Amino acid sequence: MNSRNPLVSVITPVYNGEKYVAETIKSVLEQTYKNFELVIVDDASTDDTVRIISEFKKKDSRIRLIKLESNQGAAVARNTAIENSNGQFIAFLDSDDLWLPEKLEKQLNYMLDNDIAFSFTKYVRIKEDGTLTKNVSKAPEKVTYTDLMKHCVIGCLTVMINRYKVQDLQMENIRTRQDYALWLKITKTGLKAYGFPEVLAKYRLGNKSISSNKFKAAKMQWKVYREIEEQSLFKSLYYFIHYSYNGIKTTLKSITR
């Protein structure tokens, strides 16, 4: 294997994604870095999703499609994709989000040049119709476990992980925040997440998931603190205050932009 040209496995769960999945797949196929496999797991869609993916699959052997028999949620879909992937590097992209063409190339070179195990980038939020907003995420130079407990600045669609350096990539089987729980599990070992300071992805806004419901998201955040991270009541309250404060700041920023 060429150490400067490793295989990247792109992990994409999808459920009833006929509206956007073609655009998402195109953003992967248009990458300037070509040594990747796109592992898509369909979570028992009832719309035209599978047909759309199958049409792309016929034209490009790098696309793989796994179909689940029943709807089991994003965690199971992502875990299934990871278990069936072959790449040294794992990257995540949901079925309605997009990458800029140089996303893989720039991020991979950054990780290889600096011997990084876990990285993320900035992303810009777009409206449901694809219109750009001025709302751009932050990408601090490095993020620790404690930083993440207070506020998650890592967008799943921007993450890349070297599985030779991070062996346990299994996500918690919860309906939402499973990606956040994985970032905590990784950084809890002492590894840091490193931010690449460029916008390389587009996150689509809209009432598309459980995470868009602020109350449900807050309940799941609390569950992560108490049940998954097994924090005391006092520490959970401490971190939850930080989470709430940062959430309000992010919401206000979105409104003003």
C-alpha atoms as a PDB file:
ATOM      1  CA  MET A   1       0.000   0.000   0.000  1.00  0.00           C
ATOM      2  CA  ASN A   2       1.179   3.482  -0.864  1.00  0.00           C
ATOM      3  CA  SER A   3       1.410   5.348   2.452  1.00  0.00           C
ATOM      4  CA  ARG A   4       0.476   8.591   0.669  1.00  0.00           C
ATOM      5  CA  ASN A   5      -2.483   7.031  -1.112  1.00  0.00           C
ATOM      6  CA  PRO A   6      -4.418   5.033   1.500  1.00  0.00           C
ATOM      7  CA  LEU A   7      -7.965   3.833   0.951  1.00  0.00           C
ATOM      8  CA  VAL A   8     -10.600   6.046   2.568  1.00  0.00           C
ATOM      9  CA  SER A   9     -13.952   4.475   3.460  1.00  0.00           C
ATOM     10  CA  VAL A  10     -16.815   6.971   3.295  1.00  0.00           C
ATOM     11  CA  ILE A  11     -19.605   5.961   5.679  1.00  0.00           C
ATOM     12  CA  THR A  12     -23.108   7.053   4.620  1.00  0.00           C
ATOM     13  CA  PRO A  13     -26.315   5.946   6.362  1.00  0.00           C
ATOM     14  CA  VAL A  14     -29.550   6.744   4.535  1.00  0.00           C
ATOM     15  CA  TYR A  15     -33.259   6.491   5.243  1.00  0.00           C
ATOM     16  CA  ASN A  16     -35.850   7.821   2.791  1.00  0.00           C
ATOM     17  CA  GLY A  17     -33.225  10.095   1.278  1.00  0.00           C
ATOM     18  CA  GLU A  18     -34.470  10.268  -2.312  1.00  0.00           C
ATOM     19  CA  LYS A  19     -34.571  14.077  -2.252  1.00  0.00           C
ATOM     20  CA  TYR A  20     -30.857  14.661  -1.646  1.00  0.00           C
ATOM     21  CA  VAL A  21     -28.903  11.394  -1.866  1.00  0.00           C
ATOM     22  CA  ALA A  22     -27.948  11.834  -5.539  1.00  0.00           C
ATOM     23  CA  GLU A  23     -26.384  15.216  -4.801  1.00  0.00           C
ATOM     24  CA  THR A  24     -24.544  13.741  -1.832  1.00  0.00           C
ATOM     25  CA  ILE A  25     -23.133  10.866  -3.896  1.00  0.00           C
ATOM     26  CA  LYS A  26     -22.036  13.274  -6.636  1.00  0.00           C
ATOM     27  CA  SER A  27     -20.109  15.344  -4.083  1.00  0.00           C
ATOM     28  CA  VAL A  28     -18.133  12.200  -3.176  1.00  0.00           C
ATOM     29  CA  LEU A  29     -17.535  11.115  -6.766  1.00  0.00           C
ATOM     30  CA  GLU A  30     -16.247  14.605  -7.589  1.00  0.00           C
ATOM     31  CA  GLN A  31     -13.480  14.406  -4.983  1.00  0.00           C
ATOM     32  CA  THR A  32      -9.993  15.233  -6.222  1.00  0.00           C
ATOM     33  CA  TYR A  33      -8.735  12.305  -4.108  1.00  0.00           C
ATOM     34  CA  LYS A  34      -9.819   9.160  -5.909  1.00  0.00           C
ATOM     35  CA  ASN A  35      -8.815   6.223  -3.694  1.00  0.00           C
ATOM     36  CA  PHE A  36     -12.017   5.818  -1.717  1.00  0.00           C
ATOM     37  CA  GLU A  37     -14.951   3.478  -1.299  1.00  0.00           C
ATOM     38  CA  LEU A  38     -18.423   4.838  -0.595  1.00  0.00           C
ATOM     39  CA  VAL A  39     -20.213   2.430   1.747  1.00  0.00           C
ATOM     40  CA  ILE A  40     -23.903   3.292   1.866  1.00  0.00           C
ATOM     41  CA  VAL A  41     -26.235   1.508   4.269  1.00  0.00           C
ATOM     42  CA  ASP A  42     -29.915   1.884   3.499  1.00  0.00           C
ATOM     43  CA  ASP A  43     -31.958   1.721   6.697  1.00  0.00           C
ATOM     44  CA  ALA A  44     -35.046   0.100   5.126  1.00  0.00           C
ATOM     45  CA  SER A  45     -36.136   3.091   3.049  1.00  0.00           C
ATOM     46  CA  THR A  46     -39.690   3.080   1.673  1.00  0.00           C
ATOM     47  CA  ASP A  47     -39.136   5.666  -1.057  1.00  0.00           C
ATOM     48  CA  ASP A  48     -36.979   5.684  -4.210  1.00  0.00           C
ATOM     49  CA  THR A  49     -33.654   5.839  -2.361  1.00  0.00           C
ATOM     50  CA  VAL A  50     -32.372   2.360  -3.212  1.00  0.00           C
ATOM     51  CA  ARG A  51     -33.130   2.731  -6.911  1.00  0.00           C
ATOM     52  CA  ILE A  52     -31.246   6.040  -7.074  1.00  0.00           C
ATOM     53  CA  ILE A  53     -28.200   4.590  -5.302  1.00  0.00           C
ATOM     54  CA  SER A  54     -28.289   1.465  -7.480  1.00  0.00           C
ATOM     55  CA  GLU A  55     -28.088   3.586 -10.630  1.00  0.00           C
ATOM     56  CA  PHE A  56     -24.893   5.231  -9.361  1.00  0.00           C
ATOM     57  CA  LYS A  57     -23.530   1.856  -8.235  1.00  0.00           C
ATOM     58  CA  LYS A  58     -23.847   0.461 -11.772  1.00  0.00           C
ATOM     59  CA  LYS A  59     -21.559   3.212 -13.065  1.00  0.00           C
ATOM     60  CA  ASP A  60     -18.919   3.292 -10.311  1.00  0.00           C
ATOM     61  CA  SER A  61     -17.509   0.190  -8.604  1.00  0.00           C
ATOM     62  CA  ARG A  62     -16.322   2.259  -5.629  1.00  0.00           C
ATOM     63  CA  ILE A  63     -19.937   2.506  -4.444  1.00  0.00           C
ATOM     64  CA  ARG A  64     -21.204  -0.277  -2.208  1.00  0.00           C
ATOM     65  CA  LEU A  65     -24.795  -0.630  -1.041  1.00  0.00           C
ATOM     66  CA  ILE A  66     -25.922  -2.600   2.004  1.00  0.00           C
ATOM     67  CA  LYS A  67     -29.656  -2.885   2.693  1.00  0.00           C
ATOM     68  CA  LEU A  68     -31.010  -3.452   6.196  1.00  0.00           C
ATOM     69  CA  GLU A  69     -34.224  -5.451   6.428  1.00  0.00           C
ATOM     70  CA  SER A  70     -35.769  -3.215   9.095  1.00  0.00           C
ATOM     71  CA  ASN A  71     -35.312   0.389  10.182  1.00  0.00           C
ATOM     72  CA  GLN A  72     -32.787   0.427  13.026  1.00  0.00           C
ATOM     73  CA  GLY A  73     -31.457   3.977  13.167  1.00  0.00           C
ATOM     74  CA  ALA A  74     -28.298   5.824  12.179  1.00  0.00           C
ATOM     75  CA  ALA A  75     -26.057   4.155  14.784  1.00  0.00           C
ATOM     76  CA  VAL A  76     -26.740   0.644  13.481  1.00  0.00           C
ATOM     77  CA  ALA A  77     -26.458   1.823   9.874  1.00  0.00           C
ATOM     78  CA  ARG A  78     -23.107   3.526  10.507  1.00  0.00           C
ATOM     79  CA  ASN A  79     -21.766   0.577  12.501  1.00  0.00           C
ATOM     80  CA  THR A  80     -22.794  -1.793   9.715  1.00  0.00           C
ATOM     81  CA  ALA A  81     -20.975   0.361   7.166  1.00  0.00           C
ATOM     82  CA  ILE A  82     -17.843   0.560   9.320  1.00  0.00           C
ATOM     83  CA  GLU A  83     -17.814  -3.217   9.900  1.00  0.00           C
ATOM     84  CA  ASN A  84     -18.035  -3.795   6.148  1.00  0.00           C
ATOM     85  CA  SER A  85     -15.465  -1.175   5.144  1.00  0.00           C
ATOM     86  CA  ASN A  86     -11.862  -1.756   4.092  1.00  0.00           C
ATOM     87  CA  GLY A  87     -10.146   1.627   4.356  1.00  0.00           C
ATOM     88  CA  GLN A  88      -7.348   2.701   6.645  1.00  0.00           C
ATOM     89  CA  PHE A  89      -9.201   5.984   7.036  1.00  0.00           C
ATOM     90  CA  ILE A  90     -12.880   6.380   7.891  1.00  0.00           C
ATOM     91  CA  ALA A  91     -14.853   9.487   6.885  1.00  0.00           C
ATOM     92  CA  PHE A  92     -18.510  10.223   7.594  1.00  0.00           C
ATOM     93  CA  LEU A  93     -21.094  11.865   5.342  1.00  0.00           C
ATOM     94  CA  ASP A  94     -24.857  11.813   5.876  1.00  0.00           C
ATOM     95  CA  SER A  95     -27.160  11.390   2.902  1.00  0.00           C
ATOM     96  CA  ASP A  96     -28.282  15.023   2.699  1.00  0.00           C
ATOM     97  CA  ASP A  97     -24.960  16.749   3.336  1.00  0.00           C
ATOM     98  CA  LEU A  98     -22.224  17.654   0.855  1.00  0.00           C
ATOM     99  CA  TRP A  99     -18.453  17.809   0.531  1.00  0.00           C
ATOM    100  CA  LEU A 100     -16.383  20.336  -1.358  1.00  0.00           C
ATOM    101  CA  PRO A 101     -14.228  18.681  -4.077  1.00  0.00           C
ATOM    102  CA  GLU A 102     -10.917  18.924  -2.187  1.00  0.00           C
ATOM    103  CA  LYS A 103     -12.277  17.700   1.150  1.00  0.00           C
ATOM    104  CA  LEU A 104     -10.636  14.284   1.228  1.00  0.00           C
ATOM    105  CA  GLU A 105      -7.375  15.373  -0.372  1.00  0.00           C
ATOM    106  CA  LYS A 106      -6.745  18.333   1.927  1.00  0.00           C
ATOM    107  CA  GLN A 107      -7.812  16.615   5.128  1.00  0.00           C
ATOM    108  CA  LEU A 108      -5.941  13.407   4.402  1.00  0.00           C
ATOM    109  CA  ASN A 109      -2.712  15.252   3.599  1.00  0.00           C
ATOM    110  CA  TYR A 110      -3.109  17.245   6.819  1.00  0.00           C
ATOM    111  CA  MET A 111      -3.437  14.030   8.827  1.00  0.00           C
ATOM    112  CA  LEU A 112      -0.568  12.244   7.086  1.00  0.00           C
ATOM    113  CA  ASP A 113       1.776  15.243   7.334  1.00  0.00           C
ATOM    114  CA  ASN A 114       1.099  15.661  11.065  1.00  0.00           C
ATOM    115  CA  ASP A 115       0.588  12.025  12.107  1.00  0.00           C
ATOM    116  CA  ILE A 116      -2.974  12.709  13.286  1.00  0.00           C
ATOM    117  CA  ALA A 117      -5.441  10.004  14.304  1.00  0.00           C
ATOM    118  CA  PHE A 118      -8.664  12.047  14.487  1.00  0.00           C
ATOM    119  CA  SER A 119      -9.484  15.255  12.635  1.00  0.00           C
ATOM    120  CA  PHE A 120     -12.398  17.452  11.595  1.00  0.00           C
ATOM    121  CA  THR A 121     -12.867  20.591   9.512  1.00  0.00           C
ATOM    122  CA  LYS A 122     -15.040  23.651   9.337  1.00  0.00           C
ATOM    123  CA  TYR A 123     -18.375  23.414   7.539  1.00  0.00           C
ATOM    124  CA  VAL A 124     -20.920  25.908   6.277  1.00  0.00           C
ATOM    125  CA  ARG A 125     -24.631  25.505   6.893  1.00  0.00           C
ATOM    126  CA  ILE A 126     -26.917  25.547   3.874  1.00  0.00           C
ATOM    127  CA  LYS A 127     -30.678  25.865   3.633  1.00  0.00           C
ATOM    128  CA  GLU A 128     -32.843  22.962   2.486  1.00  0.00           C
ATOM    129  CA  ASP A 129     -32.695  24.230  -1.097  1.00  0.00           C
ATOM    130  CA  GLY A 130     -28.892  24.372  -0.996  1.00  0.00           C
ATOM    131  CA  THR A 131     -28.596  28.139  -0.525  1.00  0.00           C
ATOM    132  CA  LEU A 132     -25.490  29.081   1.424  1.00  0.00           C
ATOM    133  CA  THR A 133     -25.838  30.821   4.773  1.00  0.00           C
ATOM    134  CA  LYS A 134     -23.141  32.867   6.511  1.00  0.00           C
ATOM    135  CA  ASN A 135     -23.133  30.428   9.407  1.00  0.00           C
ATOM    136  CA  VAL A 136     -19.761  28.684   9.490  1.00  0.00           C
ATOM    137  CA  SER A 137     -18.653  26.279  12.211  1.00  0.00           C
ATOM    138  CA  LYS A 138     -15.441  26.677  14.160  1.00  0.00           C
ATOM    139  CA  ALA A 139     -12.484  24.312  14.020  1.00  0.00           C
ATOM    140  CA  PRO A 140     -10.193  24.839  17.026  1.00  0.00           C
ATOM    141  CA  GLU A 141      -6.631  23.652  16.573  1.00  0.00           C
ATOM    142  CA  LYS A 142      -7.231  20.784  19.000  1.00  0.00           C
ATOM    143  CA  VAL A 143     -10.119  19.534  21.116  1.00  0.00           C
ATOM    144  CA  THR A 144      -9.920  17.396  24.274  1.00  0.00           C
ATOM    145  CA  TYR A 145     -12.434  15.199  26.062  1.00  0.00           C
ATOM    146  CA  THR A 146     -13.221  17.973  28.551  1.00  0.00           C
ATOM    147  CA  ASP A 147     -13.728  20.463  25.724  1.00  0.00           C
ATOM    148  CA  LEU A 148     -16.219  18.111  24.062  1.00  0.00           C
ATOM    149  CA  MET A 149     -18.120  17.497  27.270  1.00  0.00           C
ATOM    150  CA  LYS A 150     -18.800  21.233  27.414  1.00  0.00           C
ATOM    151  CA  HIS A 151     -19.554  21.781  23.756  1.00  0.00           C
ATOM    152  CA  CYS A 152     -19.331  19.637  20.623  1.00  0.00           C
ATOM    153  CA  VAL A 153     -17.725  21.653  17.833  1.00  0.00           C
ATOM    154  CA  ILE A 154     -17.206  18.576  15.655  1.00  0.00           C
ATOM    155  CA  GLY A 155     -19.545  18.077  12.718  1.00  0.00           C
ATOM    156  CA  CYS A 156     -19.921  14.407  11.817  1.00  0.00           C
ATOM    157  CA  LEU A 157     -19.809  15.229   8.092  1.00  0.00           C
ATOM    158  CA  THR A 158     -16.256  16.572   8.520  1.00  0.00           C
ATOM    159  CA  VAL A 159     -14.679  13.802  10.601  1.00  0.00           C
ATOM    160  CA  MET A 160     -11.853  11.574   9.394  1.00  0.00           C
ATOM    161  CA  ILE A 161     -10.285   8.868  11.568  1.00  0.00           C
ATOM    162  CA  ASN A 162      -7.226   6.670  11.082  1.00  0.00           C
ATOM    163  CA  ARG A 163      -8.501   3.248  12.138  1.00  0.00           C
ATOM    164  CA  TYR A 164      -4.921   1.996  12.550  1.00  0.00           C
ATOM    165  CA  LYS A 165      -4.664   4.414  15.460  1.00  0.00           C
ATOM    166  CA  VAL A 166      -8.277   4.240  16.722  1.00  0.00           C
ATOM    167  CA  GLN A 167      -9.461   0.639  16.854  1.00  0.00           C
ATOM    168  CA  ASP A 168     -12.867   0.990  18.543  1.00  0.00           C
ATOM    169  CA  LEU A 169     -15.169   2.884  16.186  1.00  0.00           C
ATOM    170  CA  GLN A 170     -18.399   1.249  17.334  1.00  0.00           C
ATOM    171  CA  MET A 171     -21.128   3.826  17.942  1.00  0.00           C
ATOM    172  CA  GLU A 172     -23.572   3.636  20.847  1.00  0.00           C
ATOM    173  CA  ASN A 173     -26.951   2.322  19.722  1.00  0.00           C
ATOM    174  CA  ILE A 174     -28.944   5.450  20.546  1.00  0.00           C
ATOM    175  CA  ARG A 175     -31.271   7.288  18.184  1.00  0.00           C
ATOM    176  CA  THR A 176     -29.259  10.505  18.134  1.00  0.00           C
ATOM    177  CA  ARG A 177     -25.950  11.897  19.509  1.00  0.00           C
ATOM    178  CA  GLN A 178     -24.295   8.559  18.711  1.00  0.00           C
ATOM    179  CA  ASP A 179     -21.572  10.366  16.767  1.00  0.00           C
ATOM    180  CA  TYR A 180     -20.931  12.718  19.698  1.00  0.00           C
ATOM    181  CA  ALA A 181     -20.691   9.721  22.043  1.00  0.00           C
ATOM    182  CA  LEU A 182     -18.044   8.226  19.749  1.00  0.00           C
ATOM    183  CA  TRP A 183     -15.980  11.424  19.763  1.00  0.00           C
ATOM    184  CA  LEU A 184     -16.108  11.326  23.580  1.00  0.00           C
ATOM    185  CA  LYS A 185     -15.043   7.663  23.643  1.00  0.00           C
ATOM    186  CA  ILE A 186     -12.065   8.380  21.414  1.00  0.00           C
ATOM    187  CA  THR A 187     -10.858  11.494  23.248  1.00  0.00           C
ATOM    188  CA  LYS A 188     -11.408   9.875  26.637  1.00  0.00           C
ATOM    189  CA  THR A 189      -8.422   7.647  25.807  1.00  0.00           C
ATOM    190  CA  GLY A 190      -6.226  10.753  25.667  1.00  0.00           C
ATOM    191  CA  LEU A 191      -6.300  11.301  21.917  1.00  0.00           C
ATOM    192  CA  LYS A 192      -7.158  14.798  20.740  1.00  0.00           C
ATOM    193  CA  ALA A 193      -9.292  15.820  17.790  1.00  0.00           C
ATOM    194  CA  TYR A 194      -7.482  18.274  15.506  1.00  0.00           C
ATOM    195  CA  GLY A 195      -9.305  20.922  13.525  1.00  0.00           C
ATOM    196  CA  PHE A 196      -8.405  21.746   9.933  1.00  0.00           C
ATOM    197  CA  PRO A 197      -9.185  25.474   9.532  1.00  0.00           C
ATOM    198  CA  GLU A 198     -10.968  25.406   6.170  1.00  0.00           C
ATOM    199  CA  VAL A 199     -14.588  24.976   5.162  1.00  0.00           C
ATOM    200  CA  LEU A 200     -14.670  21.629   3.342  1.00  0.00           C
ATOM    201  CA  ALA A 201     -18.302  20.546   3.799  1.00  0.00           C
ATOM    202  CA  LYS A 202     -21.889  21.777   3.673  1.00  0.00           C
ATOM    203  CA  TYR A 203     -24.409  20.857   6.364  1.00  0.00           C
ATOM    204  CA  ARG A 204     -28.035  20.980   5.273  1.00  0.00           C
ATOM    205  CA  LEU A 205     -30.426  22.603   7.726  1.00  0.00           C
ATOM    206  CA  GLY A 206     -34.067  21.603   8.124  1.00  0.00           C
ATOM    207  CA  ASN A 207     -36.437  19.558  10.226  1.00  0.00           C
ATOM    208  CA  LYS A 208     -34.864  16.362   8.960  1.00  0.00           C
ATOM    209  CA  SER A 209     -33.948  14.474  12.080  1.00  0.00           C
ATOM    210  CA  ILE A 210     -34.424  13.958  15.789  1.00  0.00           C
ATOM    211  CA  SER A 211     -31.475  16.296  16.401  1.00  0.00           C
ATOM    212  CA  SER A 212     -33.463  19.219  14.989  1.00  0.00           C
ATOM    213  CA  ASN A 213     -35.793  19.045  18.016  1.00  0.00           C
ATOM    214  CA  LYS A 214     -33.972  21.046  20.687  1.00  0.00           C
ATOM    215  CA  PHE A 215     -35.816  19.477  23.620  1.00  0.00           C
ATOM    216  CA  LYS A 216     -35.127  15.924  22.459  1.00  0.00           C
ATOM    217  CA  ALA A 217     -31.506  16.829  21.726  1.00  0.00           C
ATOM    218  CA  ALA A 218     -31.126  18.223  25.254  1.00  0.00           C
ATOM    219  CA  LYS A 219     -32.624  15.052  26.751  1.00  0.00           C
ATOM    220  CA  MET A 220     -30.199  12.927  24.781  1.00  0.00           C
ATOM    221  CA  GLN A 221     -27.292  15.147  25.812  1.00  0.00           C
ATOM    222  CA  TRP A 222     -28.231  14.560  29.442  1.00  0.00           C
ATOM    223  CA  LYS A 223     -28.455  10.820  28.775  1.00  0.00           C
ATOM    224  CA  VAL A 224     -24.951  10.847  27.317  1.00  0.00           C
ATOM    225  CA  TYR A 225     -23.613  12.548  30.452  1.00  0.00           C
ATOM    226  CA  ARG A 226     -25.403  10.319  32.948  1.00  0.00           C
ATOM    227  CA  GLU A 227     -25.738   6.908  31.293  1.00  0.00           C
ATOM    228  CA  ILE A 228     -22.939   6.668  28.741  1.00  0.00           C
ATOM    229  CA  GLU A 229     -20.222   8.778  30.346  1.00  0.00           C
ATOM    230  CA  GLU A 230     -21.508   7.881  33.849  1.00  0.00           C
ATOM    231  CA  GLN A 231     -20.894  11.336  35.247  1.00  0.00           C
ATOM    232  CA  SER A 232     -22.116  12.323  38.709  1.00  0.00           C
ATOM    233  CA  LEU A 233     -25.199  14.523  39.010  1.00  0.00           C
ATOM    234  CA  PHE A 234     -23.017  17.522  39.897  1.00  0.00           C
ATOM    235  CA  LYS A 235     -20.640  17.063  36.957  1.00  0.00           C
ATOM    236  CA  SER A 236     -23.529  16.398  34.600  1.00  0.00           C
ATOM    237  CA  LEU A 237     -25.170  19.663  35.667  1.00  0.00           C
ATOM    238  CA  TYR A 238     -21.855  21.473  35.236  1.00  0.00           C
ATOM    239  CA  TYR A 239     -21.373  20.205  31.693  1.00  0.00           C
ATOM    240  CA  PHE A 240     -25.051  20.657  30.825  1.00  0.00           C
ATOM    241  CA  ILE A 241     -24.885  24.337  31.756  1.00  0.00           C
ATOM    242  CA  HIS A 242     -21.979  24.758  29.345  1.00  0.00           C
ATOM    243  CA  TYR A 243     -23.868  22.796  26.681  1.00  0.00           C
ATOM    244  CA  SER A 244     -26.962  24.982  27.092  1.00  0.00           C
ATOM    245  CA  TYR A 245     -24.987  28.225  27.042  1.00  0.00           C
ATOM    246  CA  ASN A 246     -23.137  27.276  23.869  1.00  0.00           C
ATOM    247  CA  GLY A 247     -26.362  26.041  22.290  1.00  0.00           C
ATOM    248  CA  ILE A 248     -28.056  29.381  22.904  1.00  0.00           C
ATOM    249  CA  LYS A 249     -25.064  31.216  21.430  1.00  0.00           C
ATOM    250  CA  THR A 250     -25.162  29.040  18.313  1.00  0.00           C
ATOM    251  CA  THR A 251     -28.915  29.540  17.899  1.00  0.00           C
ATOM    252  CA  LEU A 252     -28.639  33.319  18.244  1.00  0.00           C
ATOM    253  CA  LYS A 253     -25.788  33.340  15.747  1.00  0.00           C
ATOM    254  CA  SER A 254     -27.951  31.424  13.259  1.00  0.00           C
ATOM    255  CA  ILE A 255     -30.831  33.860  13.683  1.00  0.00           C
ATOM    256  CA  THR A 256     -28.663  36.922  13.138  1.00  0.00           C
ATOM    257  CA  ARG A 257     -27.201  35.424   9.950  1.00  0.00           C
END
